[in-house]
Amino acid sequence: MGPPASFQTPQTAVVGPAKLASKTIAGVNVKQANELQFQGLTGANPLMTKTLDVQFGKLSQPQFDALKKEFGGLSQVKFDAARDYGVIDFLPPTIQALVNRDIDPGPPAKLKGTGKLNDAMGNEGRGDLEISTSPNCHGTAWEMMRAYQGQPSTHVSLLYGDAQMVGPDYENPEKFTTVGTSEPGKAPAFLSELKPGDVVAFKRGEYELLHSATYVGGGLFFEKPNTESDEYDESPYRLVTLDQAIAPIADYLGEPPTLVGLRPNAPLPPGIEAFSTGDDAKNLEAWAAKKGQTIGKPLVREFEVGMGGGIRGLHFNAVETRRVEIGADGRGVIK
């Protein structure tokens, strides 16, 4: 499957003061909040490449405790009266490890001799099957919801979770409770009801799911703005306000999206199970075994959706699981 994905931390430039919903979070004054623009990325919509730097400065123990609770209580950063703190210090280790990082998934792996198999999957005339590792918004949101559930705490799976797969889960009342819905262009009344680890689905109309972002607390969200590919788009994992998350989607649609706040009803299964490939993967693995090859990583499905909404073809993406460790500063570090 080729080399593992690599991570970079792009440089940023200050755009200006960030427009937060309030000057306080959990009763603690925000000392400074700036909107930052990532620099030197390939092919990315500038609206997808902004992030936040929110600083509180030095804190008292009660202030530290209030912020830790507000952002879900999972951070392993310790209290130190001499330390300056920012929002990132209070996020779960998995999010700390990913926020403001850009992933390079590497080129797809081409499996020689799979042209007929690729044709049978609906990809007629496209030659041999290619397998990529392509993180996107839905798979990221799924794994971050799991992180807020405390599972996993030491590893994160970087995977593609296509809208065609996660949408039915969101709409299943046995799996997710709808916290609220906001009509396009209207401020979501449900924002104050969200809890860290909830997800907001961004839709065109009632059914077409476009994007997912995970609520982290304090009116802020963590997201992967778009599917990653060095060929056409680099969009680092980022921390944003709701307006920042909406901006690139509204730009794409020409109008604001519908917003739906959702809360998982029970511990979510690993994305490898949730976005299972079923018999398709078994057929591919059987083919590889006959050729004396191994795929080497679990696979999830990626559906190619046509302009009319129908599925034009089926592709595979490999799941890469990485270890999350705790650094000397108490923040999560991806290995």
C-alpha atoms as a PDB file:
ATOM      1  CA  MET A   1       0.000   0.000   0.000  1.00  0.00           C
ATOM      2  CA  GLY A   2       2.982   2.338  -0.126  1.00  0.00           C
ATOM      3  CA  PRO A   3       4.452   4.568   2.597  1.00  0.00           C
ATOM      4  CA  PRO A   4       2.333   5.827   5.504  1.00  0.00           C
ATOM      5  CA  ALA A   5       0.740   9.259   5.428  1.00  0.00           C
ATOM      6  CA  SER A   6       2.831  12.152   6.679  1.00  0.00           C
ATOM      7  CA  PHE A   7       1.900  15.329   8.503  1.00  0.00           C
ATOM      8  CA  GLN A   8       3.057  18.920   8.201  1.00  0.00           C
ATOM      9  CA  THR A   9       2.229  22.034  10.199  1.00  0.00           C
ATOM     10  CA  PRO A  10       1.687  24.812   7.639  1.00  0.00           C
ATOM     11  CA  GLN A  11       2.724  28.330   8.474  1.00  0.00           C
ATOM     12  CA  THR A  12      -0.079  30.773   9.239  1.00  0.00           C
ATOM     13  CA  ALA A  13      -0.619  34.494   8.866  1.00  0.00           C
ATOM     14  CA  VAL A  14      -2.980  36.549  11.026  1.00  0.00           C
ATOM     15  CA  VAL A  15      -6.012  37.721   9.048  1.00  0.00           C
ATOM     16  CA  GLY A  16      -7.461  39.755  11.903  1.00  0.00           C
ATOM     17  CA  PRO A  17      -9.527  39.445  15.077  1.00  0.00           C
ATOM     18  CA  ALA A  18     -11.804  36.409  15.132  1.00  0.00           C
ATOM     19  CA  LYS A  19     -15.547  36.924  15.397  1.00  0.00           C
ATOM     20  CA  LEU A  20     -16.446  34.781  18.379  1.00  0.00           C
ATOM     21  CA  ALA A  21     -20.002  34.532  19.670  1.00  0.00           C
ATOM     22  CA  SER A  22     -18.876  35.873  23.057  1.00  0.00           C
ATOM     23  CA  LYS A  23     -15.857  37.497  24.680  1.00  0.00           C
ATOM     24  CA  THR A  24     -16.033  34.898  27.424  1.00  0.00           C
ATOM     25  CA  ILE A  25     -16.068  31.096  27.385  1.00  0.00           C
ATOM     26  CA  ALA A  26     -17.271  29.234  30.472  1.00  0.00           C
ATOM     27  CA  GLY A  27     -17.116  32.550  32.317  1.00  0.00           C
ATOM     28  CA  VAL A  28     -13.449  33.064  31.452  1.00  0.00           C
ATOM     29  CA  ASN A  29     -12.389  36.128  29.485  1.00  0.00           C
ATOM     30  CA  VAL A  30     -10.847  35.495  26.075  1.00  0.00           C
ATOM     31  CA  LYS A  31      -7.550  37.378  26.139  1.00  0.00           C
ATOM     32  CA  GLN A  32      -7.006  37.235  22.389  1.00  0.00           C
ATOM     33  CA  ALA A  33      -8.730  35.569  19.441  1.00  0.00           C
ATOM     34  CA  ASN A  34      -7.340  35.752  15.902  1.00  0.00           C
ATOM     35  CA  GLU A  35      -8.392  34.301  12.585  1.00  0.00           C
ATOM     36  CA  LEU A  36      -5.396  32.710  10.849  1.00  0.00           C
ATOM     37  CA  GLN A  37      -4.818  31.824   7.197  1.00  0.00           C
ATOM     38  CA  PHE A  38      -2.732  28.766   6.328  1.00  0.00           C
ATOM     39  CA  GLN A  39       0.070  29.510   3.893  1.00  0.00           C
ATOM     40  CA  GLY A  40       1.601  27.621   0.963  1.00  0.00           C
ATOM     41  CA  LEU A  41      -1.165  25.094   0.284  1.00  0.00           C
ATOM     42  CA  THR A  42      -2.094  23.547  -3.059  1.00  0.00           C
ATOM     43  CA  GLY A  43      -5.364  24.326  -4.771  1.00  0.00           C
ATOM     44  CA  ALA A  44      -7.386  25.055  -1.649  1.00  0.00           C
ATOM     45  CA  ASN A  45     -10.330  27.441  -1.408  1.00  0.00           C
ATOM     46  CA  PRO A  46      -9.084  30.199   0.966  1.00  0.00           C
ATOM     47  CA  LEU A  47     -12.352  29.849   2.893  1.00  0.00           C
ATOM     48  CA  MET A  48     -11.313  26.277   3.747  1.00  0.00           C
ATOM     49  CA  THR A  49      -7.863  27.260   4.949  1.00  0.00           C
ATOM     50  CA  LYS A  50      -8.602  29.522   7.881  1.00  0.00           C
ATOM     51  CA  THR A  51      -8.345  28.494  11.507  1.00  0.00           C
ATOM     52  CA  LEU A  52      -8.586  30.046  14.971  1.00  0.00           C
ATOM     53  CA  ASP A  53      -6.097  30.972  17.654  1.00  0.00           C
ATOM     54  CA  VAL A  54      -7.995  31.574  20.910  1.00  0.00           C
ATOM     55  CA  GLN A  55      -5.928  32.456  23.982  1.00  0.00           C
ATOM     56  CA  PHE A  56      -6.905  32.844  27.636  1.00  0.00           C
ATOM     57  CA  GLY A  57      -3.522  33.648  29.157  1.00  0.00           C
ATOM     58  CA  LYS A  58      -2.798  32.602  32.726  1.00  0.00           C
ATOM     59  CA  LEU A  59      -5.645  30.991  34.662  1.00  0.00           C
ATOM     60  CA  SER A  60      -6.690  30.280  38.198  1.00  0.00           C
ATOM     61  CA  GLN A  61      -7.523  26.713  39.170  1.00  0.00           C
ATOM     62  CA  PRO A  62     -11.323  27.383  39.082  1.00  0.00           C
ATOM     63  CA  GLN A  63     -11.003  28.978  35.632  1.00  0.00           C
ATOM     64  CA  PHE A  64      -8.941  26.037  34.384  1.00  0.00           C
ATOM     65  CA  ASP A  65     -11.506  23.575  35.743  1.00  0.00           C
ATOM     66  CA  ALA A  66     -14.407  25.491  34.136  1.00  0.00           C
ATOM     67  CA  LEU A  67     -12.727  25.490  30.723  1.00  0.00           C
ATOM     68  CA  LYS A  68     -11.792  21.831  30.947  1.00  0.00           C
ATOM     69  CA  LYS A  69     -15.426  20.970  31.668  1.00  0.00           C
ATOM     70  CA  GLU A  70     -16.690  23.234  28.867  1.00  0.00           C
ATOM     71  CA  PHE A  71     -14.553  21.436  26.276  1.00  0.00           C
ATOM     72  CA  GLY A  72     -15.451  17.913  27.339  1.00  0.00           C
ATOM     73  CA  GLY A  73     -13.052  17.155  30.202  1.00  0.00           C
ATOM     74  CA  LEU A  74     -10.763  14.802  28.239  1.00  0.00           C
ATOM     75  CA  SER A  75      -7.616  16.914  27.913  1.00  0.00           C
ATOM     76  CA  GLN A  76      -4.587  15.612  29.790  1.00  0.00           C
ATOM     77  CA  VAL A  77      -2.945  19.042  30.067  1.00  0.00           C
ATOM     78  CA  LYS A  78      -2.275  19.815  33.731  1.00  0.00           C
ATOM     79  CA  PHE A  79      -2.910  23.036  35.627  1.00  0.00           C
ATOM     80  CA  ASP A  80       0.053  25.350  36.057  1.00  0.00           C
ATOM     81  CA  ALA A  81      -0.517  28.855  37.417  1.00  0.00           C
ATOM     82  CA  ALA A  82       2.532  30.115  35.477  1.00  0.00           C
ATOM     83  CA  ARG A  83       1.383  28.757  32.100  1.00  0.00           C
ATOM     84  CA  ASP A  84      -0.553  30.597  29.390  1.00  0.00           C
ATOM     85  CA  TYR A  85      -3.461  28.547  28.037  1.00  0.00           C
ATOM     86  CA  GLY A  86      -5.359  28.463  24.760  1.00  0.00           C
ATOM     87  CA  VAL A  87      -8.429  26.577  23.567  1.00  0.00           C
ATOM     88  CA  ILE A  88      -6.338  23.754  22.087  1.00  0.00           C
ATOM     89  CA  ASP A  89      -5.028  22.909  25.580  1.00  0.00           C
ATOM     90  CA  PHE A  90      -8.553  21.840  26.587  1.00  0.00           C
ATOM     91  CA  LEU A  91      -9.444  19.616  23.608  1.00  0.00           C
ATOM     92  CA  PRO A  92      -9.193  15.803  23.605  1.00  0.00           C
ATOM     93  CA  PRO A  93      -5.680  14.495  22.811  1.00  0.00           C
ATOM     94  CA  THR A  94      -6.789  13.183  19.394  1.00  0.00           C
ATOM     95  CA  ILE A  95      -7.985  16.614  18.300  1.00  0.00           C
ATOM     96  CA  GLN A  96      -4.918  18.292  19.804  1.00  0.00           C
ATOM     97  CA  ALA A  97      -2.789  15.965  17.690  1.00  0.00           C
ATOM     98  CA  LEU A  98      -4.591  16.836  14.435  1.00  0.00           C
ATOM     99  CA  VAL A  99      -5.683  20.471  14.671  1.00  0.00           C
ATOM    100  CA  ASN A 100      -3.771  22.795  12.317  1.00  0.00           C
ATOM    101  CA  ARG A 101      -1.963  19.819  10.745  1.00  0.00           C
ATOM    102  CA  ASP A 102      -2.021  19.079   7.035  1.00  0.00           C
ATOM    103  CA  ILE A 103      -1.915  15.438   6.015  1.00  0.00           C
ATOM    104  CA  ASP A 104      -0.139  14.154   2.932  1.00  0.00           C
ATOM    105  CA  PRO A 105      -1.780  10.781   2.235  1.00  0.00           C
ATOM    106  CA  GLY A 106       0.614   9.994  -0.593  1.00  0.00           C
ATOM    107  CA  PRO A 107      -0.268   8.756  -4.092  1.00  0.00           C
ATOM    108  CA  PRO A 108      -2.817   5.982  -4.623  1.00  0.00           C
ATOM    109  CA  ALA A 109      -1.597   2.409  -4.980  1.00  0.00           C
ATOM    110  CA  LYS A 110      -2.436   0.853  -8.352  1.00  0.00           C
ATOM    111  CA  LEU A 111      -3.116  -2.892  -8.393  1.00  0.00           C
ATOM    112  CA  LYS A 112      -1.942  -4.273 -11.696  1.00  0.00           C
ATOM    113  CA  GLY A 113      -4.220  -6.713 -13.466  1.00  0.00           C
ATOM    114  CA  THR A 114      -7.453  -5.495 -11.810  1.00  0.00           C
ATOM    115  CA  GLY A 115      -8.994  -3.857 -14.865  1.00  0.00           C
ATOM    116  CA  LYS A 116     -11.843  -6.391 -15.184  1.00  0.00           C
ATOM    117  CA  LEU A 117     -12.559  -6.191 -11.460  1.00  0.00           C
ATOM    118  CA  ASN A 118     -12.666  -2.403 -11.724  1.00  0.00           C
ATOM    119  CA  ASP A 119     -15.073  -2.651 -14.673  1.00  0.00           C
ATOM    120  CA  ALA A 120     -17.365  -4.905 -12.601  1.00  0.00           C
ATOM    121  CA  MET A 121     -17.434  -2.267  -9.860  1.00  0.00           C
ATOM    122  CA  GLY A 122     -18.948   0.270 -12.253  1.00  0.00           C
ATOM    123  CA  ASN A 123     -15.690   1.931 -13.292  1.00  0.00           C
ATOM    124  CA  GLU A 124     -15.703   0.737 -16.912  1.00  0.00           C
ATOM    125  CA  GLY A 125     -12.706   1.619 -19.009  1.00  0.00           C
ATOM    126  CA  ARG A 126     -10.689   3.159 -16.202  1.00  0.00           C
ATOM    127  CA  GLY A 127      -7.997   0.528 -16.119  1.00  0.00           C
ATOM    128  CA  ASP A 128      -6.491  -1.008 -13.015  1.00  0.00           C
ATOM    129  CA  LEU A 129      -7.982  -0.392  -9.588  1.00  0.00           C
ATOM    130  CA  GLU A 130      -6.412   2.335  -7.461  1.00  0.00           C
ATOM    131  CA  ILE A 131      -6.587   2.458  -3.664  1.00  0.00           C
ATOM    132  CA  SER A 132      -6.063   5.718  -1.810  1.00  0.00           C
ATOM    133  CA  THR A 133      -5.953   6.897   1.773  1.00  0.00           C
ATOM    134  CA  SER A 134      -8.202   9.963   1.604  1.00  0.00           C
ATOM    135  CA  PRO A 135      -9.398  11.498   4.874  1.00  0.00           C
ATOM    136  CA  ASN A 136     -12.473  13.683   4.575  1.00  0.00           C
ATOM    137  CA  CYS A 137     -14.990  15.502   6.718  1.00  0.00           C
ATOM    138  CA  HIS A 138     -17.419  12.667   7.468  1.00  0.00           C
ATOM    139  CA  GLY A 139     -14.849  10.067   8.446  1.00  0.00           C
ATOM    140  CA  THR A 140     -13.043  12.682  10.555  1.00  0.00           C
ATOM    141  CA  ALA A 141     -16.239  13.727  12.336  1.00  0.00           C
ATOM    142  CA  TRP A 142     -17.054  10.068  13.031  1.00  0.00           C
ATOM    143  CA  GLU A 143     -13.669   9.436  14.632  1.00  0.00           C
ATOM    144  CA  MET A 144     -13.811  12.683  16.642  1.00  0.00           C
ATOM    145  CA  MET A 145     -17.243  11.771  17.996  1.00  0.00           C
ATOM    146  CA  ARG A 146     -15.694   8.480  19.089  1.00  0.00           C
ATOM    147  CA  ALA A 147     -12.807  10.378  20.685  1.00  0.00           C
ATOM    148  CA  TYR A 148     -15.285  12.349  22.785  1.00  0.00           C
ATOM    149  CA  GLN A 149     -16.816   9.044  23.841  1.00  0.00           C
ATOM    150  CA  GLY A 150     -13.385   8.023  25.111  1.00  0.00           C
ATOM    151  CA  GLN A 151     -12.838   5.511  22.314  1.00  0.00           C
ATOM    152  CA  PRO A 152     -10.177   5.338  21.184  1.00  0.00           C
ATOM    153  CA  SER A 153      -7.928   7.347  23.482  1.00  0.00           C
ATOM    154  CA  THR A 154      -4.554   6.224  22.137  1.00  0.00           C
ATOM    155  CA  HIS A 155      -5.170   5.812  18.392  1.00  0.00           C
ATOM    156  CA  VAL A 156      -6.958   7.594  15.556  1.00  0.00           C
ATOM    157  CA  SER A 157      -8.095   6.140  12.241  1.00  0.00           C
ATOM    158  CA  LEU A 158      -7.682   8.333   9.188  1.00  0.00           C
ATOM    159  CA  LEU A 159     -10.348   7.238   6.775  1.00  0.00           C
ATOM    160  CA  TYR A 160     -12.847   8.234   4.150  1.00  0.00           C
ATOM    161  CA  GLY A 161     -16.488   8.139   5.256  1.00  0.00           C
ATOM    162  CA  ASP A 162     -18.609   9.056   2.283  1.00  0.00           C
ATOM    163  CA  ALA A 163     -21.863  10.967   2.624  1.00  0.00           C
ATOM    164  CA  GLN A 164     -23.663   8.050   1.029  1.00  0.00           C
ATOM    165  CA  MET A 165     -22.696   5.936   4.038  1.00  0.00           C
ATOM    166  CA  VAL A 166     -22.860   8.252   7.031  1.00  0.00           C
ATOM    167  CA  GLY A 167     -26.088   9.998   5.973  1.00  0.00           C
ATOM    168  CA  PRO A 168     -28.358   7.035   6.764  1.00  0.00           C
ATOM    169  CA  ASP A 169     -26.750   6.760  10.206  1.00  0.00           C
ATOM    170  CA  TYR A 170     -27.466  10.409  10.943  1.00  0.00           C
ATOM    171  CA  GLU A 171     -31.104   9.919   9.932  1.00  0.00           C
ATOM    172  CA  ASN A 172     -31.557   6.766  12.027  1.00  0.00           C
ATOM    173  CA  PRO A 173     -33.246   7.787  15.341  1.00  0.00           C
ATOM    174  CA  GLU A 174     -31.893   4.644  16.981  1.00  0.00           C
ATOM    175  CA  LYS A 175     -28.346   5.862  16.337  1.00  0.00           C
ATOM    176  CA  PHE A 176     -28.606   9.663  16.514  1.00  0.00           C
ATOM    177  CA  THR A 177     -30.868  12.143  18.287  1.00  0.00           C
ATOM    178  CA  THR A 178     -31.613  15.350  16.414  1.00  0.00           C
ATOM    179  CA  VAL A 179     -30.714  18.259  18.708  1.00  0.00           C
ATOM    180  CA  GLY A 180     -32.204  20.784  16.309  1.00  0.00           C
ATOM    181  CA  THR A 181     -32.493  21.975  12.726  1.00  0.00           C
ATOM    182  CA  SER A 182     -31.827  25.423  11.321  1.00  0.00           C
ATOM    183  CA  GLU A 183     -33.183  26.701   8.029  1.00  0.00           C
ATOM    184  CA  PRO A 184     -30.695  28.135   5.507  1.00  0.00           C
ATOM    185  CA  GLY A 185     -29.434  31.569   6.509  1.00  0.00           C
ATOM    186  CA  LYS A 186     -30.982  31.495   9.979  1.00  0.00           C
ATOM    187  CA  ALA A 187     -28.962  31.374  13.192  1.00  0.00           C
ATOM    188  CA  PRO A 188     -29.309  27.905  14.731  1.00  0.00           C
ATOM    189  CA  ALA A 189     -31.236  28.080  17.984  1.00  0.00           C
ATOM    190  CA  PHE A 190     -29.841  24.650  18.868  1.00  0.00           C
ATOM    191  CA  LEU A 191     -26.229  25.898  19.070  1.00  0.00           C
ATOM    192  CA  SER A 192     -26.541  26.548  22.803  1.00  0.00           C
ATOM    193  CA  GLU A 193     -27.840  22.986  23.309  1.00  0.00           C
ATOM    194  CA  LEU A 194     -24.880  21.244  21.692  1.00  0.00           C
ATOM    195  CA  LYS A 195     -22.465  19.251  23.838  1.00  0.00           C
ATOM    196  CA  PRO A 196     -18.826  18.434  23.052  1.00  0.00           C
ATOM    197  CA  GLY A 197     -18.821  15.400  20.778  1.00  0.00           C
ATOM    198  CA  ASP A 198     -22.067  16.299  18.973  1.00  0.00           C
ATOM    199  CA  VAL A 199     -21.934  16.741  15.214  1.00  0.00           C
ATOM    200  CA  VAL A 200     -23.495  19.294  12.892  1.00  0.00           C
ATOM    201  CA  ALA A 201     -24.525  18.059   9.450  1.00  0.00           C
ATOM    202  CA  PHE A 202     -24.543  20.614   6.623  1.00  0.00           C
ATOM    203  CA  LYS A 203     -27.100  19.818   3.938  1.00  0.00           C
ATOM    204  CA  ARG A 204     -28.442  21.096   0.655  1.00  0.00           C
ATOM    205  CA  GLY A 205     -32.177  20.876   1.107  1.00  0.00           C
ATOM    206  CA  GLU A 206     -33.525  18.151   3.334  1.00  0.00           C
ATOM    207  CA  TYR A 207     -31.526  15.136   2.219  1.00  0.00           C
ATOM    208  CA  GLU A 208     -28.219  15.904   0.454  1.00  0.00           C
ATOM    209  CA  LEU A 209     -25.444  15.728   3.037  1.00  0.00           C
ATOM    210  CA  LEU A 210     -22.476  17.917   2.168  1.00  0.00           C
ATOM    211  CA  HIS A 211     -20.356  18.220   5.286  1.00  0.00           C
ATOM    212  CA  SER A 212     -19.910  17.177   8.925  1.00  0.00           C
ATOM    213  CA  ALA A 213     -18.185  19.093  11.739  1.00  0.00           C
ATOM    214  CA  THR A 214     -17.698  18.086  15.379  1.00  0.00           C
ATOM    215  CA  TYR A 215     -18.703  20.449  18.171  1.00  0.00           C
ATOM    216  CA  VAL A 216     -15.930  20.869  20.758  1.00  0.00           C
ATOM    217  CA  GLY A 217     -17.502  23.402  23.159  1.00  0.00           C
ATOM    218  CA  GLY A 218     -17.330  27.165  23.581  1.00  0.00           C
ATOM    219  CA  GLY A 219     -19.238  27.703  20.327  1.00  0.00           C
ATOM    220  CA  LEU A 220     -16.362  26.162  18.332  1.00  0.00           C
ATOM    221  CA  PHE A 221     -16.010  23.227  15.917  1.00  0.00           C
ATOM    222  CA  PHE A 222     -13.285  20.880  14.702  1.00  0.00           C
ATOM    223  CA  GLU A 223     -13.391  19.749  11.083  1.00  0.00           C
ATOM    224  CA  LYS A 224     -11.600  18.436   8.024  1.00  0.00           C
ATOM    225  CA  PRO A 225     -12.922  20.907   5.441  1.00  0.00           C
ATOM    226  CA  ASN A 226     -12.565  18.678   2.390  1.00  0.00           C
ATOM    227  CA  THR A 227     -11.292  15.358   1.081  1.00  0.00           C
ATOM    228  CA  GLU A 228      -7.506  15.444   0.946  1.00  0.00           C
ATOM    229  CA  SER A 229      -5.551  15.145  -2.280  1.00  0.00           C
ATOM    230  CA  ASP A 230      -2.275  16.865  -3.074  1.00  0.00           C
ATOM    231  CA  GLU A 231      -3.348  16.950  -6.712  1.00  0.00           C
ATOM    232  CA  TYR A 232      -6.222  19.352  -6.197  1.00  0.00           C
ATOM    233  CA  ASP A 233      -6.741  20.261  -2.592  1.00  0.00           C
ATOM    234  CA  GLU A 234      -4.947  20.628   0.709  1.00  0.00           C
ATOM    235  CA  SER A 235      -7.223  21.530   3.606  1.00  0.00           C
ATOM    236  CA  PRO A 236      -5.705  21.125   7.087  1.00  0.00           C
ATOM    237  CA  TYR A 237      -7.691  19.953  10.080  1.00  0.00           C
ATOM    238  CA  ARG A 238      -8.862  23.133  11.768  1.00  0.00           C
ATOM    239  CA  LEU A 239     -10.684  24.829  14.642  1.00  0.00           C
ATOM    240  CA  VAL A 240     -13.474  27.168  13.513  1.00  0.00           C
ATOM    241  CA  THR A 241     -16.586  29.091  14.430  1.00  0.00           C
ATOM    242  CA  LEU A 242     -19.852  27.963  12.871  1.00  0.00           C
ATOM    243  CA  ASP A 243     -19.709  30.889  10.435  1.00  0.00           C
ATOM    244  CA  GLN A 244     -16.246  29.807   9.293  1.00  0.00           C
ATOM    245  CA  ALA A 245     -17.488  26.259   8.746  1.00  0.00           C
ATOM    246  CA  ILE A 246     -20.491  27.520   6.760  1.00  0.00           C
ATOM    247  CA  ALA A 247     -18.526  29.937   4.539  1.00  0.00           C
ATOM    248  CA  PRO A 248     -16.990  27.518   1.976  1.00  0.00           C
ATOM    249  CA  ILE A 249     -20.209  25.518   1.736  1.00  0.00           C
ATOM    250  CA  ALA A 250     -22.306  28.615   1.123  1.00  0.00           C
ATOM    251  CA  ASP A 251     -19.718  29.708  -1.446  1.00  0.00           C
ATOM    252  CA  TYR A 252     -20.085  26.356  -3.234  1.00  0.00           C
ATOM    253  CA  LEU A 253     -23.888  26.313  -3.094  1.00  0.00           C
ATOM    254  CA  GLY A 254     -24.474  30.000  -3.715  1.00  0.00           C
ATOM    255  CA  GLU A 255     -26.648  30.008  -0.594  1.00  0.00           C
ATOM    256  CA  PRO A 256     -26.342  28.944   3.065  1.00  0.00           C
ATOM    257  CA  PRO A 257     -26.862  25.256   3.873  1.00  0.00           C
ATOM    258  CA  THR A 258     -29.414  23.654   6.151  1.00  0.00           C
ATOM    259  CA  LEU A 259     -27.881  22.771   9.530  1.00  0.00           C
ATOM    260  CA  VAL A 260     -28.797  19.753  11.652  1.00  0.00           C
ATOM    261  CA  GLY A 261     -27.384  19.208  15.141  1.00  0.00           C
ATOM    262  CA  LEU A 262     -26.985  15.514  16.004  1.00  0.00           C
ATOM    263  CA  ARG A 263     -25.979  13.518  19.085  1.00  0.00           C
ATOM    264  CA  PRO A 264     -24.953   9.849  19.021  1.00  0.00           C
ATOM    265  CA  ASN A 265     -27.220   7.736  21.219  1.00  0.00           C
ATOM    266  CA  ALA A 266     -24.609   5.101  22.036  1.00  0.00           C
ATOM    267  CA  PRO A 267     -20.906   4.394  21.562  1.00  0.00           C
ATOM    268  CA  LEU A 268     -20.162   4.489  17.852  1.00  0.00           C
ATOM    269  CA  PRO A 269     -18.480   1.503  16.181  1.00  0.00           C
ATOM    270  CA  PRO A 270     -15.039   2.013  14.637  1.00  0.00           C
ATOM    271  CA  GLY A 271     -15.188   3.652  11.244  1.00  0.00           C
ATOM    272  CA  ILE A 272     -13.729   0.488   9.749  1.00  0.00           C
ATOM    273  CA  GLU A 273     -16.966  -1.251  10.756  1.00  0.00           C
ATOM    274  CA  ALA A 274     -19.312   1.671  10.096  1.00  0.00           C
ATOM    275  CA  PHE A 275     -18.041   2.169   6.537  1.00  0.00           C
ATOM    276  CA  SER A 276     -17.526  -1.522   5.817  1.00  0.00           C
ATOM    277  CA  THR A 277     -16.768  -2.780   2.329  1.00  0.00           C
ATOM    278  CA  GLY A 278     -18.474  -6.151   2.751  1.00  0.00           C
ATOM    279  CA  ASP A 279     -18.174  -8.596  -0.151  1.00  0.00           C
ATOM    280  CA  ASP A 280     -16.434  -6.021  -2.350  1.00  0.00           C
ATOM    281  CA  ALA A 281     -13.361  -6.026  -0.117  1.00  0.00           C
ATOM    282  CA  LYS A 282     -13.442  -9.807   0.244  1.00  0.00           C
ATOM    283  CA  ASN A 283     -13.365 -10.164  -3.542  1.00  0.00           C
ATOM    284  CA  LEU A 284     -10.409  -7.815  -3.784  1.00  0.00           C
ATOM    285  CA  GLU A 285      -8.527  -9.512  -0.967  1.00  0.00           C
ATOM    286  CA  ALA A 286      -9.178 -12.928  -2.551  1.00  0.00           C
ATOM    287  CA  TRP A 287      -7.826 -11.636  -5.848  1.00  0.00           C
ATOM    288  CA  ALA A 288      -4.706 -10.261  -4.111  1.00  0.00           C
ATOM    289  CA  ALA A 289      -4.147 -13.568  -2.303  1.00  0.00           C
ATOM    290  CA  LYS A 290      -4.205 -15.464  -5.612  1.00  0.00           C
ATOM    291  CA  LYS A 291      -1.527 -13.082  -6.872  1.00  0.00           C
ATOM    292  CA  GLY A 292       0.555 -13.588  -3.739  1.00  0.00           C
ATOM    293  CA  GLN A 293      -0.154 -10.035  -2.551  1.00  0.00           C
ATOM    294  CA  THR A 294      -1.693  -8.527   0.562  1.00  0.00           C
ATOM    295  CA  ILE A 295      -3.599  -5.263   0.720  1.00  0.00           C
ATOM    296  CA  GLY A 296      -1.999  -4.496   4.091  1.00  0.00           C
ATOM    297  CA  LYS A 297      -4.663  -2.135   5.444  1.00  0.00           C
ATOM    298  CA  PRO A 298      -8.417  -2.331   6.105  1.00  0.00           C
ATOM    299  CA  LEU A 299     -10.564  -0.835   3.362  1.00  0.00           C
ATOM    300  CA  VAL A 300     -13.635   1.374   3.292  1.00  0.00           C
ATOM    301  CA  ARG A 301     -15.858   2.224   0.348  1.00  0.00           C
ATOM    302  CA  GLU A 302     -15.962   5.471  -1.556  1.00  0.00           C
ATOM    303  CA  PHE A 303     -18.967   5.938  -3.799  1.00  0.00           C
ATOM    304  CA  GLU A 304     -18.625   8.164  -6.835  1.00  0.00           C
ATOM    305  CA  VAL A 305     -21.829  10.165  -7.015  1.00  0.00           C
ATOM    306  CA  GLY A 306     -23.122  11.525 -10.313  1.00  0.00           C
ATOM    307  CA  MET A 307     -24.681  14.930 -10.941  1.00  0.00           C
ATOM    308  CA  GLY A 308     -28.156  13.484 -10.524  1.00  0.00           C
ATOM    309  CA  GLY A 309     -27.304  11.907  -7.190  1.00  0.00           C
ATOM    310  CA  GLY A 310     -26.927   8.323  -8.433  1.00  0.00           C
ATOM    311  CA  ILE A 311     -23.848   6.199  -7.772  1.00  0.00           C
ATOM    312  CA  ARG A 312     -21.568   6.100 -10.831  1.00  0.00           C
ATOM    313  CA  GLY A 313     -18.852   3.876  -9.454  1.00  0.00           C
ATOM    314  CA  LEU A 314     -17.258   2.271  -6.417  1.00  0.00           C
ATOM    315  CA  HIS A 315     -13.741   2.909  -5.203  1.00  0.00           C
ATOM    316  CA  PHE A 316     -11.723   1.769  -2.205  1.00  0.00           C
ATOM    317  CA  ASN A 317      -9.859   3.774   0.364  1.00  0.00           C
ATOM    318  CA  ALA A 318      -7.357   2.306   2.801  1.00  0.00           C
ATOM    319  CA  VAL A 319      -7.682   3.057   6.506  1.00  0.00           C
ATOM    320  CA  GLU A 320      -4.525   4.148   8.273  1.00  0.00           C
ATOM    321  CA  THR A 321      -4.492   4.009  12.077  1.00  0.00           C
ATOM    322  CA  ARG A 322      -1.962   6.159  13.916  1.00  0.00           C
ATOM    323  CA  ARG A 323      -0.888   6.248  17.535  1.00  0.00           C
ATOM    324  CA  VAL A 324      -1.641   9.297  19.688  1.00  0.00           C
ATOM    325  CA  GLU A 325       0.834   9.982  22.480  1.00  0.00           C
ATOM    326  CA  ILE A 326       0.963  12.668  25.145  1.00  0.00           C
ATOM    327  CA  GLY A 327       3.774  15.183  24.754  1.00  0.00           C
ATOM    328  CA  ALA A 328       5.743  16.964  27.440  1.00  0.00           C
ATOM    329  CA  ASP A 329       3.233  19.843  27.396  1.00  0.00           C
ATOM    330  CA  GLY A 330       0.312  17.452  28.008  1.00  0.00           C
ATOM    331  CA  ARG A 331      -1.087  17.771  24.487  1.00  0.00           C
ATOM    332  CA  GLY A 332      -1.750  14.864  22.139  1.00  0.00           C
ATOM    333  CA  VAL A 333       0.894  14.150  19.502  1.00  0.00           C
ATOM    334  CA  ILE A 334       0.317  11.972  16.446  1.00  0.00           C
ATOM    335  CA  LYS A 335       2.948   9.355  15.637  1.00  0.00           C
END
